[in-house]
Amino acid sequence: MKRSEINKTIRWAIDVFRKNHFELPSFAYWTMEQWNDKSVDTTVLRKTLMGWDIADFDSGNFERVGASALTIRNGLVDRSAGTPYAEKIIVVKEKQIIPLHYHVTKQEDIINRGGGLLCIQLFNSKPDGSVDKETDVEVYCDGVKKYIKAGDSIEITTGNSITIRPYLYHLFHIKPGSGDTVIGEVSSVNDDKKDNYFAEKRERFSYTEEDEPIDIPQCTDVALK
């Protein structure tokens, strides 16, 4: 993605969250200069990739495949830093998808926080990690067990949620005509560097073309190497 598109999208996402009455932590607004202020210890934020994550999943087409997320709290798998849980707030545009993928270690609750109608397509995974297009999927929505056919989508209305267990393939999309949607994610520790397995070959973090200065940095811009 171009830096100009990332800058514009972060400003847009901040406005969407504000309109949906979801207030963000202070570091969501920090410039690079503020991140680099030596009087503030940002070690945990940098280690755990807290901050903005504007992702096109290496698609080259953010308006079709992508999401705008802010990781609000997180830790490391070995519990050497941060918290033993994670939280994100995400906005997905009406015509965007988050592509089909699963996690090995992370279990997450996905909550519709407002806007449109969130739809999540589900498949089991086979022992070799490929998509199981035949077996029914067992899933819990706000603690209620449900069964759906492979490849069907569950609709998540505002205030409701779904639990995504490890190895369960899931794809996010928004019901056409319902509008951009704010999504909450509450999970075990989130390791975006290693714990995303896509049905198609993709990169979780893609290359940034620096066509203008950084406005508000992404988590990868300030991460400890």
Protein backbone atom coordinates (compact mmCIF):
# COMPACT_ATOMS: atom_id res chain seq x y z
CA MET A 1 0.00 0.00 0.00
CA LYS A 2 1.04 3.60 -0.48
CA ARG A 3 1.76 5.60 2.68
CA SER A 4 -0.69 8.24 1.47
CA GLU A 5 -3.47 5.63 1.44
CA ILE A 6 -2.49 4.41 4.92
CA ASN A 7 -2.45 7.97 6.32
CA LYS A 8 -5.85 8.72 4.79
CA THR A 9 -7.33 5.43 6.05
CA ILE A 10 -6.19 5.94 9.64
CA ARG A 11 -7.79 9.38 9.72
CA TRP A 12 -10.98 7.90 8.25
CA ALA A 13 -11.01 5.02 10.77
CA ILE A 14 -10.59 7.42 13.70
CA ASP A 15 -13.65 9.31 12.45
CA VAL A 16 -15.67 6.08 12.07
CA PHE A 17 -14.85 4.96 15.62
CA ARG A 18 -15.73 8.40 16.97
CA LYS A 19 -19.09 8.37 15.18
CA ASN A 20 -19.76 4.95 16.71
CA HIS A 21 -18.89 6.31 20.19
CA PHE A 22 -15.82 4.11 20.58
CA GLU A 23 -13.08 6.16 22.21
CA LEU A 24 -9.48 5.19 21.43
CA PRO A 25 -6.43 5.15 23.74
CA SER A 26 -3.98 8.05 23.55
CA PHE A 27 -1.34 6.16 21.56
CA ALA A 28 -3.81 5.81 18.67
CA TYR A 29 -3.17 9.50 17.90
CA TRP A 30 0.61 9.63 18.45
CA THR A 31 2.85 10.92 15.71
CA MET A 32 6.22 9.30 15.07
CA GLU A 33 7.80 12.07 17.14
CA GLN A 34 5.62 11.15 20.12
CA TRP A 35 6.42 7.45 19.70
CA ASN A 36 10.11 8.33 19.81
CA ASP A 37 9.82 10.57 22.87
CA LYS A 38 12.47 9.11 25.23
CA SER A 39 10.52 10.22 28.30
CA VAL A 40 7.83 7.65 27.50
CA ASP A 41 8.57 3.90 27.76
CA THR A 42 6.85 2.30 24.75
CA THR A 43 8.66 -1.05 24.97
CA VAL A 44 5.54 -3.16 25.61
CA LEU A 45 3.57 -1.46 22.82
CA ARG A 46 6.40 -2.02 20.35
CA LYS A 47 7.08 -5.63 21.37
CA THR A 48 3.45 -6.69 21.16
CA LEU A 49 2.53 -4.78 17.95
CA MET A 50 -0.01 -2.54 19.62
CA GLY A 51 -1.18 0.28 17.40
CA TRP A 52 -2.59 0.70 13.90
CA ASP A 53 -2.68 -2.08 11.34
CA ILE A 54 -4.02 -1.04 7.93
CA ALA A 55 -3.88 -4.29 5.97
CA ASP A 56 -4.54 -5.24 2.37
CA PHE A 57 -3.20 -8.77 2.95
CA ASP A 58 -0.82 -8.37 0.02
CA SER A 59 -3.79 -8.03 -2.36
CA GLY A 60 -2.83 -4.71 -3.89
CA ASN A 61 -6.53 -3.80 -3.69
CA PHE A 62 -7.36 -2.44 -0.22
CA GLU A 63 -10.86 -1.36 -1.21
CA ARG A 64 -11.74 -5.00 -1.92
CA VAL A 65 -9.49 -7.02 0.39
CA GLY A 66 -8.51 -5.33 3.63
CA ALA A 67 -9.36 -3.97 7.05
CA SER A 68 -8.43 -1.10 9.36
CA ALA A 69 -7.53 -2.30 12.84
CA LEU A 70 -6.14 -0.90 16.06
CA THR A 71 -4.63 -3.34 18.56
CA ILE A 72 -5.56 -1.86 21.91
CA ARG A 73 -3.97 -4.42 24.23
CA ASN A 74 -1.80 -7.48 23.69
CA GLY A 75 1.02 -9.59 25.07
CA LEU A 76 3.62 -12.10 23.98
CA VAL A 77 2.93 -15.83 23.77
CA ASP A 78 5.68 -16.52 26.32
CA ARG A 79 4.07 -13.93 28.66
CA SER A 80 7.31 -11.99 28.98
CA ALA A 81 5.56 -8.72 28.13
CA GLY A 82 2.08 -7.27 28.01
CA THR A 83 -1.14 -9.05 28.91
CA PRO A 84 -2.24 -12.72 28.53
CA TYR A 85 -5.07 -11.56 26.26
CA ALA A 86 -5.62 -9.19 23.35
CA GLU A 87 -8.20 -6.73 22.07
CA LYS A 88 -8.64 -5.07 18.70
CA ILE A 89 -11.15 -2.64 17.25
CA ILE A 90 -11.59 -3.00 13.49
CA VAL A 91 -13.58 -1.34 10.75
CA VAL A 92 -14.37 -3.24 7.55
CA LYS A 93 -15.81 -1.32 4.62
CA GLU A 94 -19.01 -2.61 3.08
CA LYS A 95 -17.26 -3.94 -0.04
CA GLN A 96 -14.16 -5.31 1.73
CA ILE A 97 -13.40 -8.83 2.88
CA ILE A 98 -10.87 -10.20 5.33
CA PRO A 99 -9.68 -13.28 3.42
CA LEU A 100 -10.12 -16.90 4.49
CA HIS A 101 -7.66 -17.91 7.21
CA TYR A 102 -7.27 -19.69 10.53
CA HIS A 103 -5.11 -19.44 13.65
CA VAL A 104 -3.26 -22.19 15.47
CA THR A 105 -2.90 -20.66 18.93
CA LYS A 106 -5.38 -17.79 19.06
CA GLN A 107 -9.02 -18.17 20.06
CA GLU A 108 -11.13 -15.08 19.53
CA ASP A 109 -14.55 -13.61 20.03
CA ILE A 110 -15.64 -11.43 17.11
CA ILE A 111 -18.28 -8.85 18.07
CA ASN A 112 -20.38 -6.60 15.84
CA ARG A 113 -19.97 -3.21 17.54
CA GLY A 114 -22.05 -1.17 15.11
CA GLY A 115 -22.74 -0.09 11.56
CA GLY A 116 -23.59 -2.87 9.12
CA LEU A 117 -24.35 -6.58 9.24
CA LEU A 118 -21.22 -8.70 9.74
CA CYS A 119 -21.16 -12.04 7.91
CA ILE A 120 -18.57 -14.72 8.65
CA GLN A 121 -18.05 -17.63 6.26
CA LEU A 122 -16.79 -20.78 7.98
CA PHE A 123 -15.01 -24.00 7.07
CA ASN A 124 -13.29 -26.64 9.16
CA SER A 125 -9.67 -27.35 8.33
CA LYS A 126 -8.26 -30.75 7.40
CA PRO A 127 -5.28 -32.31 9.25
CA ASP A 128 -2.98 -31.04 6.48
CA GLY A 129 -4.26 -27.47 6.96
CA SER A 130 -6.30 -27.33 3.77
CA VAL A 131 -9.94 -26.20 3.63
CA ASP A 132 -12.53 -28.87 4.45
CA LYS A 133 -15.39 -28.10 2.06
CA GLU A 134 -17.59 -30.99 3.16
CA THR A 135 -18.02 -31.35 6.93
CA ASP A 136 -20.50 -29.30 8.94
CA VAL A 137 -19.09 -26.63 11.25
CA GLU A 138 -19.86 -26.48 14.97
CA VAL A 139 -19.60 -22.97 16.35
CA TYR A 140 -20.74 -20.94 19.37
CA CYS A 141 -22.46 -17.56 19.08
CA ASP A 142 -22.69 -15.80 22.44
CA GLY A 143 -22.43 -19.20 24.12
CA VAL A 144 -25.15 -20.87 22.01
CA LYS A 145 -24.03 -23.88 19.96
CA LYS A 146 -24.89 -23.81 16.27
CA TYR A 147 -24.19 -26.03 13.27
CA ILE A 148 -23.83 -24.76 9.72
CA LYS A 149 -22.86 -26.35 6.43
CA ALA A 150 -19.30 -25.92 5.17
CA GLY A 151 -18.92 -22.56 3.42
CA ASP A 152 -22.11 -21.04 4.76
CA SER A 153 -22.02 -17.68 6.53
CA ILE A 154 -23.35 -16.70 9.93
CA GLU A 155 -24.81 -13.21 10.23
CA ILE A 156 -23.70 -11.30 13.34
CA THR A 157 -26.00 -8.41 14.22
CA THR A 158 -24.97 -5.42 16.33
CA GLY A 159 -24.06 -6.39 19.89
CA ASN A 160 -23.76 -10.09 19.10
CA SER A 161 -20.66 -12.23 18.67
CA ILE A 162 -19.13 -15.49 17.49
CA THR A 163 -16.29 -17.52 18.97
CA ILE A 164 -13.61 -18.58 16.49
CA ARG A 165 -11.61 -21.52 17.80
CA PRO A 166 -8.13 -22.49 16.53
CA TYR A 167 -7.97 -24.22 13.14
CA LEU A 168 -11.40 -22.90 12.11
CA TYR A 169 -11.24 -21.16 8.73
CA HIS A 170 -13.10 -17.84 8.68
CA LEU A 171 -13.70 -15.04 6.17
CA PHE A 172 -15.27 -11.69 7.09
CA HIS A 173 -17.58 -9.82 4.75
CA ILE A 174 -20.34 -7.25 5.15
CA LYS A 175 -23.89 -7.72 3.90
CA PRO A 176 -24.31 -5.52 0.80
CA GLY A 177 -26.23 -2.35 1.50
CA SER A 178 -25.76 -2.50 5.28
CA GLY A 179 -22.77 -0.14 5.48
CA ASP A 180 -19.26 -0.04 6.94
CA THR A 181 -19.04 -2.11 10.14
CA VAL A 182 -17.14 -1.70 13.40
CA ILE A 183 -15.93 -5.03 14.74
CA GLY A 184 -14.49 -5.84 18.15
CA GLU A 185 -12.06 -8.68 18.72
CA VAL A 186 -11.32 -10.10 22.17
CA SER A 187 -8.87 -13.00 22.16
CA SER A 188 -6.00 -14.85 23.64
CA VAL A 189 -2.58 -13.32 22.84
CA ASN A 190 -2.43 -12.17 19.24
CA ASP A 191 0.71 -13.06 17.25
CA ASP A 192 0.18 -11.59 13.78
CA LYS A 193 3.75 -12.35 12.75
CA LYS A 194 3.35 -16.14 13.01
CA ASP A 195 -0.25 -17.17 13.68
CA ASN A 196 -2.15 -16.45 10.44
CA TYR A 197 -2.63 -19.29 7.96
CA PHE A 198 -4.38 -18.28 4.74
CA ALA A 199 -6.28 -20.56 2.36
CA GLU A 200 -4.50 -18.79 -0.52
CA LYS A 201 -0.90 -17.63 -0.50
CA ARG A 202 -0.80 -14.19 1.15
CA GLU A 203 1.45 -12.03 3.28
CA ARG A 204 0.00 -10.77 6.55
CA PHE A 205 2.08 -7.56 6.38
CA SER A 206 2.77 -6.17 2.93
CA TYR A 207 5.26 -3.66 1.56
CA THR A 208 4.61 0.06 2.07
CA GLU A 209 5.43 2.52 -0.71
CA GLU A 210 6.64 5.69 1.01
CA ASP A 211 5.09 8.34 -1.22
CA GLU A 212 4.56 10.84 1.61
CA PRO A 213 5.69 11.27 5.25
CA ILE A 214 4.18 9.16 8.03
CA ASP A 215 1.25 10.89 9.73
CA ILE A 216 0.30 8.38 12.44
CA PRO A 217 2.55 5.29 12.26
CA GLN A 218 1.42 1.70 11.97
CA CYS A 219 2.47 -0.90 14.54
CA THR A 220 5.04 -2.27 12.09
CA ASP A 221 6.61 1.19 11.72
CA VAL A 222 7.49 1.31 15.42
CA ALA A 223 7.91 -2.38 16.25
CA LEU A 224 11.08 -3.57 17.95
CA LYS A 225 13.03 -5.71 15.50
